[in-house]
């Protein structure tokens, strides 16, 4: 159990870092260059991780990396960048909190992961908190910003589940680097075609891009995919509810975005949903989901220990001794 909570804490780095990107993007990055904004975030992060991983894709992983790069990085970053410019930090981050339910459904359909009741309960509690945060926001909500944020949520949820299904034997560092390079490369080409030369950056923008590229992209995606490798998709999705909490708190503390009593209650419900969603369900790992019973494994037989009603498997080396 302690080992599972260790991975829960590592995974939590990602949504906390992502929640901070709404504030950083809105306060420090240029608003009129979404393609360059996404490209400058993704491509340096991919290059950094590729230098560390030192492993290139092979075979089918060339096209898989391209697909995942578009879903998780390319189109996702552009939509997220647009949402961050059009919506308050709290609202933009909160819409993304619907991802746990989407991930639970997609993981059931595509990866044969049955929903765990406590994870579903945690997601629903967190969603209730999100509704309180968004519905009571006293700041105007831009419809195009909502569409961009919701589209980013669905695409990323699909990409995360496909990553989990496809990449069981791929090192996480390599998997993350390939996606960021593929997505960042596509974004760079699109930025050159549609936006021309890169925008001029002042000191604040340079520092902002350094943060979102190294911390909120390279480190955050590595932590997220580490979690997806060791925890169920639903469990990881519920951890993602820390995203809106971070967005709300940073928007309130640094951007003076109003926070009502009802929104505070929503934040508390989101945190409660994260806690509920991790109880017991953190014991489930990808390796244990759908694993056949040991009683029918070749080379193993069942024996009963004296004074015990439990049957214990005996491996073939023990039987030979």
Protein backbone atom coordinates (compact mmCIF):
# COMPACT_ATOMS: atom_id res chain seq x y z
CA UNK A 1 0.00 0.00 0.00
CA UNK A 2 2.80 2.42 0.88
CA UNK A 3 4.45 1.71 -2.46
CA UNK A 4 1.21 2.58 -4.28
CA UNK A 5 0.91 5.88 -2.43
CA UNK A 6 4.48 6.59 -3.46
CA UNK A 7 3.36 6.44 -7.09
CA UNK A 8 0.24 8.45 -6.28
CA UNK A 9 2.44 11.27 -4.99
CA UNK A 10 4.69 11.13 -8.05
CA UNK A 11 1.66 11.21 -10.34
CA UNK A 12 0.24 14.20 -8.44
CA UNK A 13 3.18 16.34 -9.60
CA UNK A 14 1.65 16.40 -13.10
CA UNK A 15 -1.81 17.91 -12.43
CA UNK A 16 -0.35 20.40 -9.95
CA UNK A 17 2.15 21.57 -12.56
CA UNK A 18 -0.52 21.63 -15.28
CA UNK A 19 -2.85 23.63 -13.07
CA UNK A 20 -0.17 26.30 -12.80
CA UNK A 21 0.17 26.66 -16.59
CA UNK A 22 -3.15 28.51 -16.84
CA UNK A 23 -1.83 31.31 -14.65
CA UNK A 24 1.64 31.37 -16.25
CA UNK A 25 0.23 31.36 -19.79
CA UNK A 26 -2.23 34.15 -19.10
CA UNK A 27 0.22 36.33 -17.19
CA UNK A 28 3.53 35.85 -19.03
CA UNK A 29 3.13 34.32 -22.50
CA UNK A 30 2.09 36.08 -25.75
CA UNK A 31 -1.65 35.81 -26.37
CA UNK A 32 -1.66 36.06 -30.19
CA UNK A 33 0.58 33.09 -31.07
CA UNK A 34 -1.06 29.89 -29.80
CA UNK A 35 0.81 27.62 -32.22
CA UNK A 36 4.21 29.04 -31.34
CA UNK A 37 3.25 29.08 -27.68
CA UNK A 38 2.49 25.34 -27.82
CA UNK A 39 5.54 24.53 -29.98
CA UNK A 40 8.00 26.38 -27.73
CA UNK A 41 6.56 24.50 -24.80
CA UNK A 42 6.65 21.00 -26.32
CA UNK A 43 9.67 20.76 -28.60
CA UNK A 44 12.41 21.77 -26.10
CA UNK A 45 10.87 19.41 -23.54
CA UNK A 46 10.96 16.55 -26.06
CA UNK A 47 14.57 17.27 -27.00
CA UNK A 48 15.59 17.36 -23.33
CA UNK A 49 13.97 14.00 -22.58
CA UNK A 50 15.31 12.45 -25.79
CA UNK A 51 18.85 13.37 -24.77
CA UNK A 52 18.22 11.57 -21.47
CA UNK A 53 16.43 8.55 -22.96
CA UNK A 54 18.80 7.97 -25.95
CA UNK A 55 16.37 5.59 -27.61
CA UNK A 56 14.57 6.04 -30.93
CA UNK A 57 11.16 4.60 -31.88
CA UNK A 58 11.15 1.34 -33.83
CA UNK A 59 8.61 -0.33 -36.08
CA UNK A 60 5.00 0.54 -35.28
CA UNK A 61 6.15 3.01 -32.66
CA UNK A 62 6.86 5.59 -35.38
CA UNK A 63 3.18 5.98 -36.18
CA UNK A 64 2.04 5.34 -32.62
CA UNK A 65 4.30 8.14 -31.40
CA UNK A 66 2.78 10.43 -34.04
CA UNK A 67 -0.79 9.56 -32.99
CA UNK A 68 -0.06 9.99 -29.28
CA UNK A 69 1.96 13.12 -29.98
CA UNK A 70 -1.03 14.75 -31.70
CA UNK A 71 -3.57 13.67 -29.06
CA UNK A 72 -1.52 14.35 -25.93
CA UNK A 73 0.70 17.20 -27.14
CA UNK A 74 0.01 18.77 -30.55
CA UNK A 75 -3.70 19.56 -30.72
CA UNK A 76 -3.98 19.34 -26.93
CA UNK A 77 -1.46 22.12 -26.27
CA UNK A 78 -3.02 24.44 -28.85
CA UNK A 79 -6.50 24.00 -27.41
CA UNK A 80 -5.17 24.38 -23.89
CA UNK A 81 -3.30 27.55 -24.86
CA UNK A 82 -6.48 29.03 -26.37
CA UNK A 83 -8.51 28.07 -23.30
CA UNK A 84 -5.95 29.65 -20.97
CA UNK A 85 -6.19 32.94 -22.87
CA UNK A 86 -10.01 33.02 -23.05
CA UNK A 87 -11.01 31.72 -19.61
CA UNK A 88 -10.22 32.56 -15.99
CA UNK A 89 -7.63 30.20 -14.51
CA UNK A 90 -10.19 28.61 -12.20
CA UNK A 91 -12.73 27.88 -14.95
CA UNK A 92 -10.16 26.63 -17.50
CA UNK A 93 -8.61 24.25 -14.98
CA UNK A 94 -11.96 23.08 -13.66
CA UNK A 95 -13.40 22.00 -17.01
CA UNK A 96 -10.49 19.61 -17.37
CA UNK A 97 -11.57 17.91 -14.15
CA UNK A 98 -14.20 15.95 -16.09
CA UNK A 99 -11.31 13.87 -17.44
CA UNK A 100 -11.50 11.13 -14.74
CA UNK A 101 -14.94 9.95 -15.87
CA UNK A 102 -13.88 10.09 -19.53
CA UNK A 103 -10.72 8.11 -18.74
CA UNK A 104 -12.64 5.53 -16.72
CA UNK A 105 -15.04 4.95 -19.63
CA UNK A 106 -12.32 4.80 -22.28
CA UNK A 107 -10.13 2.52 -20.16
CA UNK A 108 -13.08 0.13 -19.78
CA UNK A 109 -13.77 0.17 -23.52
CA UNK A 110 -10.20 0.13 -24.85
CA UNK A 111 -8.04 -1.41 -22.11
CA UNK A 112 -10.51 -3.78 -20.38
CA UNK A 113 -10.12 -1.99 -17.03
CA UNK A 114 -13.32 -2.43 -15.09
CA UNK A 115 -14.37 0.67 -13.15
CA UNK A 116 -13.58 0.49 -9.44
CA UNK A 117 -16.55 1.76 -7.37
CA UNK A 118 -14.42 3.91 -5.07
CA UNK A 119 -12.65 5.51 -8.05
CA UNK A 120 -15.99 6.30 -9.70
CA UNK A 121 -17.27 7.72 -6.40
CA UNK A 122 -14.17 9.88 -6.06
CA UNK A 123 -14.60 11.14 -9.62
CA UNK A 124 -18.26 12.01 -9.01
CA UNK A 125 -17.50 13.81 -5.75
CA UNK A 126 -14.76 15.76 -7.49
CA UNK A 127 -17.06 16.59 -10.39
CA UNK A 128 -19.62 18.00 -7.96
CA UNK A 129 -16.89 20.22 -6.59
CA UNK A 130 -16.00 21.32 -10.12
CA UNK A 131 -19.61 22.26 -10.81
CA UNK A 132 -19.64 24.44 -7.71
CA UNK A 133 -16.41 26.14 -8.78
CA UNK A 134 -17.54 26.83 -12.35
CA UNK A 135 -21.23 27.56 -11.82
CA UNK A 136 -20.59 30.19 -9.16
CA UNK A 137 -17.71 31.92 -10.90
CA UNK A 138 -18.38 35.66 -10.94
CA UNK A 139 -16.11 36.12 -13.95
CA UNK A 140 -17.55 35.92 -17.46
CA UNK A 141 -17.15 32.59 -19.25
CA UNK A 142 -16.19 32.61 -22.95
CA UNK A 143 -18.04 29.92 -24.92
CA UNK A 144 -15.12 29.30 -27.32
CA UNK A 145 -12.81 28.93 -24.35
CA UNK A 146 -15.12 26.28 -22.88
CA UNK A 147 -15.23 24.39 -26.21
CA UNK A 148 -11.44 24.50 -26.52
CA UNK A 149 -10.93 23.26 -22.96
CA UNK A 150 -13.51 20.45 -23.29
CA UNK A 151 -12.03 19.30 -26.61
CA UNK A 152 -8.55 19.23 -25.08
CA UNK A 153 -9.89 17.14 -22.20
CA UNK A 154 -11.46 14.47 -24.44
CA UNK A 155 -8.44 14.22 -26.76
CA UNK A 156 -5.97 13.91 -23.90
CA UNK A 157 -8.09 11.29 -22.10
CA UNK A 158 -8.11 9.17 -25.28
CA UNK A 159 -4.36 9.66 -25.71
CA UNK A 160 -3.61 8.66 -22.12
CA UNK A 161 -5.65 5.46 -22.35
CA UNK A 162 -4.02 4.52 -25.67
CA UNK A 163 -0.60 5.18 -24.11
CA UNK A 164 -1.46 2.79 -21.30
CA UNK A 165 -2.74 0.13 -23.70
CA UNK A 166 0.16 0.31 -26.14
CA UNK A 167 3.22 1.05 -24.03
CA UNK A 168 3.47 -1.71 -21.42
CA UNK A 169 6.97 -2.66 -22.59
CA UNK A 170 8.29 0.83 -23.43
CA UNK A 171 10.40 2.79 -20.90
CA UNK A 172 8.42 5.77 -19.65
CA UNK A 173 11.18 8.26 -20.40
CA UNK A 174 11.35 7.15 -24.04
CA UNK A 175 7.56 7.09 -24.40
CA UNK A 176 7.31 10.64 -23.08
CA UNK A 177 10.18 11.93 -25.24
CA UNK A 178 8.75 10.44 -28.45
CA UNK A 179 5.33 11.99 -27.89
CA UNK A 180 6.72 15.41 -27.09
CA UNK A 181 9.05 15.35 -30.09
CA UNK A 182 6.29 14.23 -32.47
CA UNK A 183 3.79 16.74 -31.16
CA UNK A 184 6.34 19.54 -30.85
CA UNK A 185 7.63 18.93 -34.37
CA UNK A 186 4.11 19.06 -35.83
CA UNK A 187 3.38 22.24 -33.89
CA UNK A 188 6.56 23.90 -35.15
CA UNK A 189 5.68 23.18 -38.78
CA UNK A 190 2.12 24.43 -38.26
CA UNK A 191 3.39 27.57 -36.50
CA UNK A 192 5.75 28.40 -39.39
CA UNK A 193 2.95 27.97 -41.93
CA UNK A 194 0.14 29.79 -40.14
CA UNK A 195 1.89 32.27 -37.82
CA UNK A 196 5.16 32.98 -39.59
CA UNK A 197 8.27 33.84 -37.59
CA UNK A 198 8.36 33.15 -33.85
CA UNK A 199 7.11 36.01 -31.67
CA UNK A 200 9.56 38.31 -29.91
CA UNK A 201 9.92 37.30 -26.28
CA UNK A 202 10.66 39.54 -23.34
CA UNK A 203 12.30 38.34 -20.13
CA UNK A 204 8.99 37.39 -18.54
CA UNK A 205 7.95 35.30 -21.56
CA UNK A 206 11.34 33.54 -21.64
CA UNK A 207 11.04 32.63 -17.97
CA UNK A 208 7.42 31.57 -18.50
CA UNK A 209 8.31 29.28 -21.40
CA UNK A 210 11.24 27.83 -19.44
CA UNK A 211 8.85 26.91 -16.63
CA UNK A 212 6.07 25.43 -18.77
CA UNK A 213 8.56 23.50 -20.92
CA UNK A 214 10.83 22.00 -18.26
CA UNK A 215 8.53 21.71 -15.22
CA UNK A 216 4.96 21.68 -16.56
CA UNK A 217 5.81 19.54 -19.62
CA UNK A 218 8.99 17.44 -19.41
CA UNK A 219 8.75 16.66 -15.68
CA UNK A 220 4.95 16.65 -15.49
CA UNK A 221 4.42 14.28 -18.43
CA UNK A 222 7.09 11.91 -17.17
CA UNK A 223 5.39 11.76 -13.75
CA UNK A 224 1.97 11.30 -15.37
CA UNK A 225 3.03 8.39 -17.57
CA UNK A 226 4.85 6.80 -14.63
CA UNK A 227 1.52 6.84 -12.84
CA UNK A 228 -0.33 5.42 -15.84
CA UNK A 229 2.17 2.55 -16.00
CA UNK A 230 1.66 1.54 -12.37
CA UNK A 231 -1.88 2.61 -11.46
CA UNK A 232 -5.25 2.15 -13.11
CA UNK A 233 -6.35 4.81 -15.61
CA UNK A 234 -9.30 5.75 -13.40
CA UNK A 235 -7.09 6.20 -10.36
CA UNK A 236 -4.71 8.42 -12.31
CA UNK A 237 -7.66 10.38 -13.70
CA UNK A 238 -8.93 11.13 -10.20
CA UNK A 239 -5.47 12.37 -9.19
CA UNK A 240 -5.85 14.78 -12.10
CA UNK A 241 -8.52 16.59 -10.08
CA UNK A 242 -5.65 18.39 -8.37
CA UNK A 243 -5.39 20.38 -11.60
CA UNK A 244 -8.42 22.64 -10.98
CA UNK A 245 -7.53 23.11 -7.32
CA UNK A 246 -4.13 24.43 -8.34
CA UNK A 247 -5.67 26.68 -10.98
CA UNK A 248 -8.19 28.10 -8.53
CA UNK A 249 -5.66 28.79 -5.79
CA UNK A 250 -3.08 30.39 -8.08
CA UNK A 251 -5.72 32.49 -9.83
CA UNK A 252 -6.97 33.74 -6.48
CA UNK A 253 -3.58 34.34 -4.85
CA UNK A 254 -1.68 35.92 -7.74
CA UNK A 255 -4.30 37.20 -10.19
CA UNK A 256 -6.89 38.42 -7.66
CA UNK A 257 -9.60 36.28 -9.26
CA UNK A 258 -12.58 36.25 -6.87
CA UNK A 259 -13.24 33.13 -4.80
CA UNK A 260 -16.64 32.70 -3.18
CA UNK A 261 -17.60 30.58 -0.17
CA UNK A 262 -19.36 28.13 -2.48
CA UNK A 263 -16.24 27.82 -4.61
CA UNK A 264 -14.21 27.10 -1.48
CA UNK A 265 -16.69 24.29 -0.77
CA UNK A 266 -16.13 23.07 -4.32
CA UNK A 267 -12.36 22.98 -3.78
CA UNK A 268 -12.89 20.95 -0.59
CA UNK A 269 -15.11 18.48 -2.47
CA UNK A 270 -12.48 18.10 -5.18
CA UNK A 271 -9.83 17.29 -2.58
CA UNK A 272 -12.22 14.83 -0.91
CA UNK A 273 -12.83 13.17 -4.28
CA UNK A 274 -9.09 12.70 -4.76
CA UNK A 275 -8.78 11.06 -1.33
CA UNK A 276 -11.80 8.81 -1.81
CA UNK A 277 -10.64 7.78 -5.26
CA UNK A 278 -7.29 6.55 -3.94
CA UNK A 279 -8.51 4.36 -1.06
CA UNK A 280 -7.98 0.66 -1.78
CA UNK A 281 -8.11 1.25 -5.53
CA UNK A 282 -4.44 2.23 -5.34
CA UNK A 283 -3.71 -1.45 -4.72
CA UNK A 284 -4.78 -2.34 -8.23
CA UNK A 285 -1.96 -2.32 -10.73
CA UNK A 286 -1.96 -2.96 -14.46
CA UNK A 287 -0.14 -6.19 -13.87
CA UNK A 288 -2.90 -7.49 -11.59
CA UNK A 289 -5.85 -6.44 -13.76
CA UNK A 290 -7.20 -9.36 -15.71
CA UNK A 291 -4.43 -11.72 -14.56
CA UNK A 292 -5.52 -15.36 -14.60
CA UNK A 293 -5.65 -17.37 -11.42
CA UNK A 294 -2.42 -19.09 -10.42
CA UNK A 295 -4.20 -22.35 -9.85
CA UNK A 296 -4.16 -23.10 -13.59
CA UNK A 297 -0.67 -21.83 -14.34
CA UNK A 298 1.66 -24.42 -15.91
CA UNK A 299 4.31 -25.69 -13.58
CA UNK A 300 2.37 -24.82 -10.41
CA UNK A 301 0.25 -26.99 -8.13
CA UNK A 302 -1.85 -26.21 -5.09
CA UNK A 303 -1.11 -27.53 -1.63
CA UNK A 304 -2.66 -26.88 1.75
CA UNK A 305 -0.58 -25.79 4.70
CA UNK A 306 -1.21 -27.64 7.96
CA UNK A 307 -3.83 -25.89 10.06
CA UNK A 308 -4.80 -23.54 7.24
CA UNK A 309 -7.81 -23.49 4.95
CA UNK A 310 -5.88 -21.41 2.41
CA UNK A 311 -4.38 -23.14 -0.62
CA UNK A 312 -0.80 -22.12 -1.39
CA UNK A 313 0.74 -22.32 -4.86
CA UNK A 314 3.99 -24.22 -5.17
CA UNK A 315 6.26 -23.22 -8.04
CA UNK A 316 7.91 -25.83 -10.22
CA UNK A 317 11.43 -25.31 -8.71
CA UNK A 318 10.02 -25.97 -5.24
CA UNK A 319 8.18 -29.06 -6.48
CA UNK A 320 11.34 -30.42 -8.05
CA UNK A 321 13.20 -30.04 -4.76
